[in-house]
Amino acid sequence: PERLAAFWSELLGRPVVGRTGPYVWLRRENELVLGFQRTG
């Protein structure tokens, strides 16, 4: 999720703003947040 969040952060111009458990979050825009969840 760190690598994927970094890709989408750069692509969309939304910084990574948080990490919670298996999630990495990009900045919320237009009332919508984009998150990346670690899976096996």
All heavy atoms as atom14 arrays in JSON, in Angstrom:
{
  "sequence": "PERLAAFWSELLGRPVVGRTGPYVWLRRENELVLGFQRTG",
  "atom14_mask": [
    [1, 1, 1, 1, 1, 1, 1, 0, 0, 0, 0, 0, 0, 0],
    [1, 1, 1, 1, 1, 1, 1, 1, 1, 0, 0, 0, 0, 0],
    [1, 1, 1, 1, 1, 1, 1, 1, 1, 1, 1, 0, 0, 0],
    [1, 1, 1, 1, 1, 1, 1, 1, 0, 0, 0, 0, 0, 0],
    [1, 1, 1, 1, 1, 0, 0, 0, 0, 0, 0, 0, 0, 0],
    [1, 1, 1, 1, 1, 0, 0, 0, 0, 0, 0, 0, 0, 0],
    [1, 1, 1, 1, 1, 1, 1, 1, 1, 1, 1, 0, 0, 0],
    [1, 1, 1, 1, 1, 1, 1, 1, 1, 1, 1, 1, 1, 1],
    [1, 1, 1, 1, 1, 1, 0, 0, 0, 0, 0, 0, 0, 0],
    [1, 1, 1, 1, 1, 1, 1, 1, 1, 0, 0, 0, 0, 0],
    [1, 1, 1, 1, 1, 1, 1, 1, 0, 0, 0, 0, 0, 0],
    [1, 1, 1, 1, 1, 1, 1, 1, 0, 0, 0, 0, 0, 0],
    [1, 1, 1, 1, 0, 0, 0, 0, 0, 0, 0, 0, 0, 0],
    [1, 1, 1, 1, 1, 1, 1, 1, 1, 1, 1, 0, 0, 0],
    [1, 1, 1, 1, 1, 1, 1, 0, 0, 0, 0, 0, 0, 0],
    [1, 1, 1, 1, 1, 1, 1, 0, 0, 0, 0, 0, 0, 0],
    [1, 1, 1, 1, 1, 1, 1, 0, 0, 0, 0, 0, 0, 0],
    [1, 1, 1, 1, 0, 0, 0, 0, 0, 0, 0, 0, 0, 0],
    [1, 1, 1, 1, 1, 1, 1, 1, 1, 1, 1, 0, 0, 0],
    [1, 1, 1, 1, 1, 1, 1, 0, 0, 0, 0, 0, 0, 0],
    [1, 1, 1, 1, 0, 0, 0, 0, 0, 0, 0, 0, 0, 0],
    [1, 1, 1, 1, 1, 1, 1, 0, 0, 0, 0, 0, 0, 0],
    [1, 1, 1, 1, 1, 1, 1, 1, 1, 1, 1, 1, 0, 0],
    [1, 1, 1, 1, 1, 1, 1, 0, 0, 0, 0, 0, 0, 0],
    [1, 1, 1, 1, 1, 1, 1, 1, 1, 1, 1, 1, 1, 1],
    [1, 1, 1, 1, 1, 1, 1, 1, 0, 0, 0, 0, 0, 0],
    [1, 1, 1, 1, 1, 1, 1, 1, 1, 1, 1, 0, 0, 0],
    [1, 1, 1, 1, 1, 1, 1, 1, 1, 1, 1, 0, 0, 0],
    [1, 1, 1, 1, 1, 1, 1, 1, 1, 0, 0, 0, 0, 0],
    [1, 1, 1, 1, 1, 1, 1, 1, 0, 0, 0, 0, 0, 0],
    [1, 1, 1, 1, 1, 1, 1, 1, 1, 0, 0, 0, 0, 0],
    [1, 1, 1, 1, 1, 1, 1, 1, 0, 0, 0, 0, 0, 0],
    [1, 1, 1, 1, 1, 1, 1, 0, 0, 0, 0, 0, 0, 0],
    [1, 1, 1, 1, 1, 1, 1, 1, 0, 0, 0, 0, 0, 0],
    [1, 1, 1, 1, 0, 0, 0, 0, 0, 0, 0, 0, 0, 0],
    [1, 1, 1, 1, 1, 1, 1, 1, 1, 1, 1, 0, 0, 0],
    [1, 1, 1, 1, 1, 1, 1, 1, 1, 0, 0, 0, 0, 0],
    [1, 1, 1, 1, 1, 1, 1, 1, 1, 1, 1, 0, 0, 0],
    [1, 1, 1, 1, 1, 1, 1, 0, 0, 0, 0, 0, 0, 0],
    [1, 1, 1, 1, 0, 0, 0, 0, 0, 0, 0, 0, 0, 0]
  ],
  "atom14_positions": [
    [[0.79, -1.22, 0.0], [0.0, 0.0, 0.0], [0.83, 1.28, 0.0], [0.41, 2.28, -0.56], [-0.86, -0.11, 1.26], [-0.19, -1.13, 2.11], [0.55, -2.04, 1.19], [0.0, 0.0, 0.0], [0.0, 0.0, 0.0], [0.0, 0.0, 0.0], [0.0, 0.0, 0.0], [0.0, 0.0, 0.0], [0.0, 0.0, 0.0], [0.0, 0.0, 0.0]],
    [[2.02, 1.25, 0.59], [2.87, 2.45, 0.57], [3.27, 2.8, -0.87], [3.2, 3.96, -1.27], [4.12, 2.23, 1.42], [3.86, 2.15, 2.9], [3.55, 3.5, 3.54], [3.82, 4.56, 2.94], [2.99, 3.48, 4.66], [0.0, 0.0, 0.0], [0.0, 0.0, 0.0], [0.0, 0.0, 0.0], [0.0, 0.0, 0.0], [0.0, 0.0, 0.0]],
    [[3.7, 1.8, -1.62], [4.13, 2.03, -3.0], [2.96, 2.5, -3.86], [3.08, 3.43, -4.65], [4.73, 0.76, -3.59], [5.15, 0.92, -5.04], [5.85, -0.33, -5.56], [6.22, -0.15, -6.95], [5.98, -1.03, -7.89], [5.39, -2.18, -7.61], [6.34, -0.79, -9.13], [0.0, 0.0, 0.0], [0.0, 0.0, 0.0], [0.0, 0.0, 0.0]],
    [[1.8, 1.85, -3.71], [0.65, 2.21, -4.51], [0.14, 3.6, -4.13], [-0.22, 4.39, -5.0], [-0.46, 1.16, -4.34], [-1.33, 0.95, -5.56], [-0.54, 0.7, -6.82], [-2.31, -0.17, -5.3], [0.0, 0.0, 0.0], [0.0, 0.0, 0.0], [0.0, 0.0, 0.0], [0.0, 0.0, 0.0], [0.0, 0.0, 0.0], [0.0, 0.0, 0.0]],
    [[0.13, 3.91, -2.85], [-0.27, 5.26, -2.41], [0.67, 6.31, -2.97], [0.24, 7.38, -3.4], [-0.32, 5.33, -0.89], [0.0, 0.0, 0.0], [0.0, 0.0, 0.0], [0.0, 0.0, 0.0], [0.0, 0.0, 0.0], [0.0, 0.0, 0.0], [0.0, 0.0, 0.0], [0.0, 0.0, 0.0], [0.0, 0.0, 0.0], [0.0, 0.0, 0.0]],
    [[1.97, 6.02, -3.0], [2.94, 6.98, -3.55], [2.69, 7.23, -5.04], [2.75, 8.37, -5.5], [4.36, 6.47, -3.33], [0.0, 0.0, 0.0], [0.0, 0.0, 0.0], [0.0, 0.0, 0.0], [0.0, 0.0, 0.0], [0.0, 0.0, 0.0], [0.0, 0.0, 0.0], [0.0, 0.0, 0.0], [0.0, 0.0, 0.0], [0.0, 0.0, 0.0]],
    [[2.37, 6.17, -5.8], [2.06, 6.3, -7.22], [0.85, 7.21, -7.41], [0.9, 8.19, -8.16], [1.8, 4.92, -7.83], [1.26, 4.96, -9.23], [2.13, 5.05, -10.32], [-0.1, 4.91, -9.48], [1.64, 5.1, -11.62], [-0.6, 4.96, -10.77], [0.27, 5.05, -11.84], [0.0, 0.0, 0.0], [0.0, 0.0, 0.0], [0.0, 0.0, 0.0]],
    [[-0.26, 6.88, -6.74], [-1.49, 7.66, -6.91], [-1.37, 9.06, -6.34], [-1.94, 10.01, -6.87], [-2.68, 6.9, -6.32], [-3.1, 5.78, -7.21], [-2.78, 4.45, -7.08], [-3.86, 5.88, -8.42], [-3.32, 3.73, -8.12], [-4.0, 4.58, -8.96], [-4.46, 6.94, -9.08], [-4.7, 4.33, -10.13], [-5.17, 6.69, -10.25], [-5.27, 5.4, -10.76]],
    [[-0.59, 9.22, -5.28], [-0.35, 10.55, -4.71], [0.31, 11.45, -5.74], [-0.11, 12.59, -5.96], [0.53, 10.43, -3.47], [0.92, 11.7, -3.0], [0.0, 0.0, 0.0], [0.0, 0.0, 0.0], [0.0, 0.0, 0.0], [0.0, 0.0, 0.0], [0.0, 0.0, 0.0], [0.0, 0.0, 0.0], [0.0, 0.0, 0.0], [0.0, 0.0, 0.0]],
    [[1.35, 10.94, -6.38], [2.06, 11.72, -7.4], [1.17, 11.97, -8.61], [1.13, 13.07, -9.15], [3.33, 10.97, -7.81], [4.21, 11.74, -8.75], [4.85, 12.97, -8.13], [5.08, 13.0, -6.9], [5.12, 13.93, -8.89], [0.0, 0.0, 0.0], [0.0, 0.0, 0.0], [0.0, 0.0, 0.0], [0.0, 0.0, 0.0], [0.0, 0.0, 0.0]],
    [[0.45, 10.95, -9.05], [-0.4, 11.07, -10.23], [-1.51, 12.09, -10.03], [-1.77, 12.91, -10.9], [-1.0, 9.7, -10.59], [-1.76, 9.64, -11.9], [-0.82, 9.86, -13.08], [-2.47, 8.3, -12.04], [0.0, 0.0, 0.0], [0.0, 0.0, 0.0], [0.0, 0.0, 0.0], [0.0, 0.0, 0.0], [0.0, 0.0, 0.0], [0.0, 0.0, 0.0]],
    [[-2.16, 12.07, -8.87], [-3.32, 12.93, -8.62], [-2.99, 14.23, -7.89], [-3.86, 15.08, -7.75], [-4.36, 12.16, -7.81], [-4.92, 10.9, -8.45], [-5.84, 10.18, -7.48], [-5.64, 11.23, -9.75], [0.0, 0.0, 0.0], [0.0, 0.0, 0.0], [0.0, 0.0, 0.0], [0.0, 0.0, 0.0], [0.0, 0.0, 0.0], [0.0, 0.0, 0.0]],
    [[-1.75, 14.35, -7.43], [-1.4, 15.55, -6.67], [-2.09, 15.61, -5.32], [-2.38, 16.68, -4.8], [0.0, 0.0, 0.0], [0.0, 0.0, 0.0], [0.0, 0.0, 0.0], [0.0, 0.0, 0.0], [0.0, 0.0, 0.0], [0.0, 0.0, 0.0], [0.0, 0.0, 0.0], [0.0, 0.0, 0.0], [0.0, 0.0, 0.0], [0.0, 0.0, 0.0]],
    [[-2.36, 14.44, -4.74], [-2.96, 14.35, -3.41], [-1.93, 13.74, -2.47], [-1.57, 12.57, -2.62], [-4.18, 13.42, -3.41], [-5.39, 13.95, -4.07], [-6.53, 12.96, -3.83], [-7.74, 13.37, -4.48], [-8.93, 12.87, -4.19], [-9.05, 11.94, -3.27], [-10.0, 13.29, -4.83], [0.0, 0.0, 0.0], [0.0, 0.0, 0.0], [0.0, 0.0, 0.0]],
    [[-1.46, 14.46, -1.48], [-0.44, 13.9, -0.6], [-0.99, 12.79, 0.29], [-2.18, 12.72, 0.57], [0.0, 15.09, 0.25], [-1.12, 16.06, 0.17], [-1.8, 15.85, -1.15], [0.0, 0.0, 0.0], [0.0, 0.0, 0.0], [0.0, 0.0, 0.0], [0.0, 0.0, 0.0], [0.0, 0.0, 0.0], [0.0, 0.0, 0.0], [0.0, 0.0, 0.0]],
    [[-0.09, 11.9, 0.7], [-0.41, 10.91, 1.71], [-0.59, 11.67, 3.02], [0.26, 12.46, 3.41], [0.71, 9.85, 1.84], [0.46, 8.94, 3.03], [0.83, 9.04, 0.56], [0.0, 0.0, 0.0], [0.0, 0.0, 0.0], [0.0, 0.0, 0.0], [0.0, 0.0, 0.0], [0.0, 0.0, 0.0], [0.0, 0.0, 0.0], [0.0, 0.0, 0.0]],
    [[-1.73, 11.43, 3.69], [-2.01, 12.18, 4.92], [-2.16, 11.3, 6.15], [-2.29, 11.83, 7.25], [-3.28, 13.07, 4.76], [-3.05, 14.15, 3.73], [-4.5, 12.24, 4.44], [0.0, 0.0, 0.0], [0.0, 0.0, 0.0], [0.0, 0.0, 0.0], [0.0, 0.0, 0.0], [0.0, 0.0, 0.0], [0.0, 0.0, 0.0], [0.0, 0.0, 0.0]],
    [[-2.15, 10.0, 5.97], [-2.31, 9.18, 7.16], [-2.07, 7.71, 6.9], [-2.12, 7.23, 5.78], [0.0, 0.0, 0.0], [0.0, 0.0, 0.0], [0.0, 0.0, 0.0], [0.0, 0.0, 0.0], [0.0, 0.0, 0.0], [0.0, 0.0, 0.0], [0.0, 0.0, 0.0], [0.0, 0.0, 0.0], [0.0, 0.0, 0.0], [0.0, 0.0, 0.0]],
    [[-1.8, 7.02, 8.0], [-1.62, 5.58, 8.0], [-2.32, 5.04, 9.24], [-2.08, 5.54, 10.34], [-0.14, 5.23, 8.03], [0.57, 5.58, 6.74], [2.09, 5.63, 6.94], [2.76, 5.94, 5.69], [2.92, 7.16, 5.2], [2.43, 8.21, 5.86], [3.54, 7.36, 4.06], [0.0, 0.0, 0.0], [0.0, 0.0, 0.0], [0.0, 0.0, 0.0]],
    [[-3.2, 4.08, 9.02], [-3.94, 3.47, 10.12], [-3.99, 1.98, 9.88], [-4.58, 1.54, 8.89], [-5.39, 4.02, 10.18], [-5.37, 5.43, 10.16], [-6.1, 3.53, 11.42], [0.0, 0.0, 0.0], [0.0, 0.0, 0.0], [0.0, 0.0, 0.0], [0.0, 0.0, 0.0], [0.0, 0.0, 0.0], [0.0, 0.0, 0.0], [0.0, 0.0, 0.0]],
    [[-3.36, 1.19, 10.75], [-3.35, -0.25, 10.57], [-2.86, -0.6, 9.17], [-1.79, -0.15, 8.76], [0.0, 0.0, 0.0], [0.0, 0.0, 0.0], [0.0, 0.0, 0.0], [0.0, 0.0, 0.0], [0.0, 0.0, 0.0], [0.0, 0.0, 0.0], [0.0, 0.0, 0.0], [0.0, 0.0, 0.0], [0.0, 0.0, 0.0], [0.0, 0.0, 0.0]],
    [[-3.65, -1.37, 8.41], [-3.21, -1.78, 7.06], [-3.52, -0.75, 5.98], [-3.36, -1.03, 4.79], [-4.01, -3.06, 6.83], [-5.29, -2.83, 7.57], [-4.89, -2.04, 8.81], [0.0, 0.0, 0.0], [0.0, 0.0, 0.0], [0.0, 0.0, 0.0], [0.0, 0.0, 0.0], [0.0, 0.0, 0.0], [0.0, 0.0, 0.0], [0.0, 0.0, 0.0]],
    [[-3.95, 0.46, 6.36], [-4.38, 1.47, 5.39], [-3.39, 2.62, 5.25], [-2.78, 3.05, 6.23], [-5.73, 2.08, 5.81], [-6.85, 1.09, 5.88], [-7.16, 0.46, 7.08], [-7.57, 0.77, 4.74], [-8.19, -0.46, 7.15], [-8.61, -0.15, 4.81], [-8.92, -0.77, 6.01], [-9.93, -1.67, 6.07], [0.0, 0.0, 0.0], [0.0, 0.0, 0.0]],
    [[-3.3, 3.14, 4.02], [-2.58, 4.38, 3.74], [-3.59, 5.28, 3.03], [-4.27, 4.85, 2.09], [-1.34, 4.14, 2.82], [-0.63, 5.45, 2.53], [-0.39, 3.14, 3.46], [0.0, 0.0, 0.0], [0.0, 0.0, 0.0], [0.0, 0.0, 0.0], [0.0, 0.0, 0.0], [0.0, 0.0, 0.0], [0.0, 0.0, 0.0], [0.0, 0.0, 0.0]],
    [[-3.69, 6.53, 3.5], [-4.73, 7.45, 3.02], [-4.15, 8.63, 2.27], [-3.17, 9.23, 2.71], [-5.54, 7.99, 4.2], [-6.14, 6.92, 5.04], [-5.65, 6.45, 6.23], [-7.3, 6.16, 4.76], [-6.47, 5.45, 6.7], [-7.49, 5.25, 5.82], [-8.21, 6.17, 3.7], [-8.56, 4.36, 5.85], [-9.28, 5.29, 3.75], [-9.44, 4.39, 4.81]],
    [[-4.79, 9.01, 1.16], [-4.47, 10.25, 0.47], [-5.42, 11.34, 0.97], [-6.48, 11.04, 1.52], [-4.64, 10.1, -1.05], [-3.77, 9.05, -1.74], [-3.9, 9.18, -3.25], [-2.31, 9.14, -1.32], [0.0, 0.0, 0.0], [0.0, 0.0, 0.0], [0.0, 0.0, 0.0], [0.0, 0.0, 0.0], [0.0, 0.0, 0.0], [0.0, 0.0, 0.0]],
    [[-5.04, 12.57, 0.74], [-5.86, 13.71, 1.18], [-7.28, 13.62, 0.6], [-7.46, 13.32, -0.57], [-5.21, 15.02, 0.74], [-5.99, 16.27, 1.17], [-5.34, 17.54, 0.73], [-5.36, 17.6, -0.73], [-4.43, 18.22, -1.48], [-3.41, 18.81, -0.91], [-4.54, 18.22, -2.79], [0.0, 0.0, 0.0], [0.0, 0.0, 0.0], [0.0, 0.0, 0.0]],
    [[-8.25, 13.89, 1.42], [-9.66, 13.92, 1.01], [-9.89, 15.13, 0.11], [-9.44, 16.23, 0.41], [-10.56, 14.0, 2.24], [-12.04, 14.05, 1.94], [-12.86, 14.11, 3.22], [-12.7, 12.93, 4.03], [-13.38, 11.8, 3.86], [-14.27, 11.69, 2.89], [-13.16, 10.76, 4.65], [0.0, 0.0, 0.0], [0.0, 0.0, 0.0], [0.0, 0.0, 0.0]],
    [[-10.57, 14.91, -1.0], [-10.97, 16.01, -1.89], [-12.38, 15.74, -2.37], [-12.75, 14.59, -2.62], [-10.02, 16.11, -3.09], [-8.65, 16.64, -2.72], [-7.77, 16.89, -3.92], [-8.26, 16.9, -5.07], [-6.57, 17.08, -3.7], [0.0, 0.0, 0.0], [0.0, 0.0, 0.0], [0.0, 0.0, 0.0], [0.0, 0.0, 0.0], [0.0, 0.0, 0.0]],
    [[-13.15, 16.81, -2.51], [-14.54, 16.69, -2.95], [-15.29, 15.66, -2.12], [-16.07, 14.87, -2.64], [-14.6, 16.34, -4.44], [-13.93, 17.38, -5.3], [-14.12, 18.58, -5.08], [-13.14, 16.95, -6.24], [0.0, 0.0, 0.0], [0.0, 0.0, 0.0], [0.0, 0.0, 0.0], [0.0, 0.0, 0.0], [0.0, 0.0, 0.0], [0.0, 0.0, 0.0]],
    [[-15.01, 15.66, -0.82], [-15.66, 14.79, 0.15], [-15.4, 13.3, -0.07], [-16.14, 12.45, 0.4], [-17.16, 15.08, 0.21], [-17.43, 16.52, 0.61], [-18.88, 16.78, 0.92], [-19.57, 15.85, 1.39], [-19.31, 17.91, 0.69], [0.0, 0.0, 0.0], [0.0, 0.0, 0.0], [0.0, 0.0, 0.0], [0.0, 0.0, 0.0], [0.0, 0.0, 0.0]],
    [[-14.32, 12.98, -0.79], [-13.99, 11.57, -1.06], [-12.52, 11.34, -0.75], [-11.65, 12.11, -1.16], [-14.26, 11.25, -2.54], [-14.16, 9.79, -2.94], [-15.27, 8.97, -2.28], [-14.27, 9.68, -4.45], [0.0, 0.0, 0.0], [0.0, 0.0, 0.0], [0.0, 0.0, 0.0], [0.0, 0.0, 0.0], [0.0, 0.0, 0.0], [0.0, 0.0, 0.0]],
    [[-12.24, 10.26, -0.03], [-10.87, 9.91, 0.31], [-10.5, 8.64, -0.45], [-11.35, 7.78, -0.71], [-10.68, 9.75, 1.83], [-11.43, 8.55, 2.37], [-9.21, 9.65, 2.2], [0.0, 0.0, 0.0], [0.0, 0.0, 0.0], [0.0, 0.0, 0.0], [0.0, 0.0, 0.0], [0.0, 0.0, 0.0], [0.0, 0.0, 0.0], [0.0, 0.0, 0.0]],
    [[-9.24, 8.55, -0.84], [-8.72, 7.38, -1.53], [-7.75, 6.69, -0.57], [-6.83, 7.31, -0.04], [-8.01, 7.81, -2.81], [-7.47, 6.72, -3.73], [-8.58, 5.78, -4.17], [-6.82, 7.36, -4.96], [0.0, 0.0, 0.0], [0.0, 0.0, 0.0], [0.0, 0.0, 0.0], [0.0, 0.0, 0.0], [0.0, 0.0, 0.0], [0.0, 0.0, 0.0]],
    [[-8.01, 5.39, -0.33], [-7.18, 4.64, 0.59], [-6.66, 3.36, -0.04], [-7.24, 2.84, -1.0], [0.0, 0.0, 0.0], [0.0, 0.0, 0.0], [0.0, 0.0, 0.0], [0.0, 0.0, 0.0], [0.0, 0.0, 0.0], [0.0, 0.0, 0.0], [0.0, 0.0, 0.0], [0.0, 0.0, 0.0], [0.0, 0.0, 0.0], [0.0, 0.0, 0.0]],
    [[-5.58, 2.85, 0.52], [-4.93, 1.63, 0.03], [-4.79, 0.69, 1.21], [-4.2, 1.04, 2.22], [-3.59, 1.98, -0.62], [-3.76, 2.96, -1.73], [-3.74, 4.33, -1.48], [-4.02, 2.53, -3.01], [-3.97, 5.24, -2.5], [-4.25, 3.43, -4.04], [-4.23, 4.78, -3.77], [0.0, 0.0, 0.0], [0.0, 0.0, 0.0], [0.0, 0.0, 0.0]],
    [[-5.36, -0.51, 1.07], [-5.4, -1.49, 2.14], [-4.49, -2.67, 1.83], [-4.58, -3.26, 0.75], [-6.82, -2.0, 2.32], [-6.96, -3.07, 3.36], [-8.39, -3.59, 3.46], [-9.25, -3.22, 2.69], [-8.61, -4.45, 4.44], [0.0, 0.0, 0.0], [0.0, 0.0, 0.0], [0.0, 0.0, 0.0], [0.0, 0.0, 0.0], [0.0, 0.0, 0.0]],
    [[-3.61, -2.99, 2.76], [-2.71, -4.14, 2.58], [-3.52, -5.43, 2.54], [-4.4, -5.67, 3.37], [-1.69, -4.22, 3.7], [-0.69, -5.35, 3.51], [0.37, -5.47, 4.59], [0.41, -4.53, 5.68], [0.94, -3.29, 5.66], [1.48, -2.83, 4.59], [0.93, -2.52, 6.72], [0.0, 0.0, 0.0], [0.0, 0.0, 0.0], [0.0, 0.0, 0.0]],
    [[-3.25, -6.24, 1.52], [-3.87, -7.56, 1.4], [-2.76, -8.58, 1.17], [-1.66, -8.23, 0.75], [-4.85, -7.62, 0.21], [-4.15, -7.34, -0.99], [-5.99, -6.64, 0.38], [0.0, 0.0, 0.0], [0.0, 0.0, 0.0], [0.0, 0.0, 0.0], [0.0, 0.0, 0.0], [0.0, 0.0, 0.0], [0.0, 0.0, 0.0], [0.0, 0.0, 0.0]],
    [[-3.07, -9.82, 1.41], [-2.08, -10.88, 1.25], [-1.99, -11.44, -0.15], [-1.07, -12.18, -0.46], [0.0, 0.0, 0.0], [0.0, 0.0, 0.0], [0.0, 0.0, 0.0], [0.0, 0.0, 0.0], [0.0, 0.0, 0.0], [0.0, 0.0, 0.0], [0.0, 0.0, 0.0], [0.0, 0.0, 0.0], [0.0, 0.0, 0.0], [0.0, 0.0, 0.0]]
  ]
}
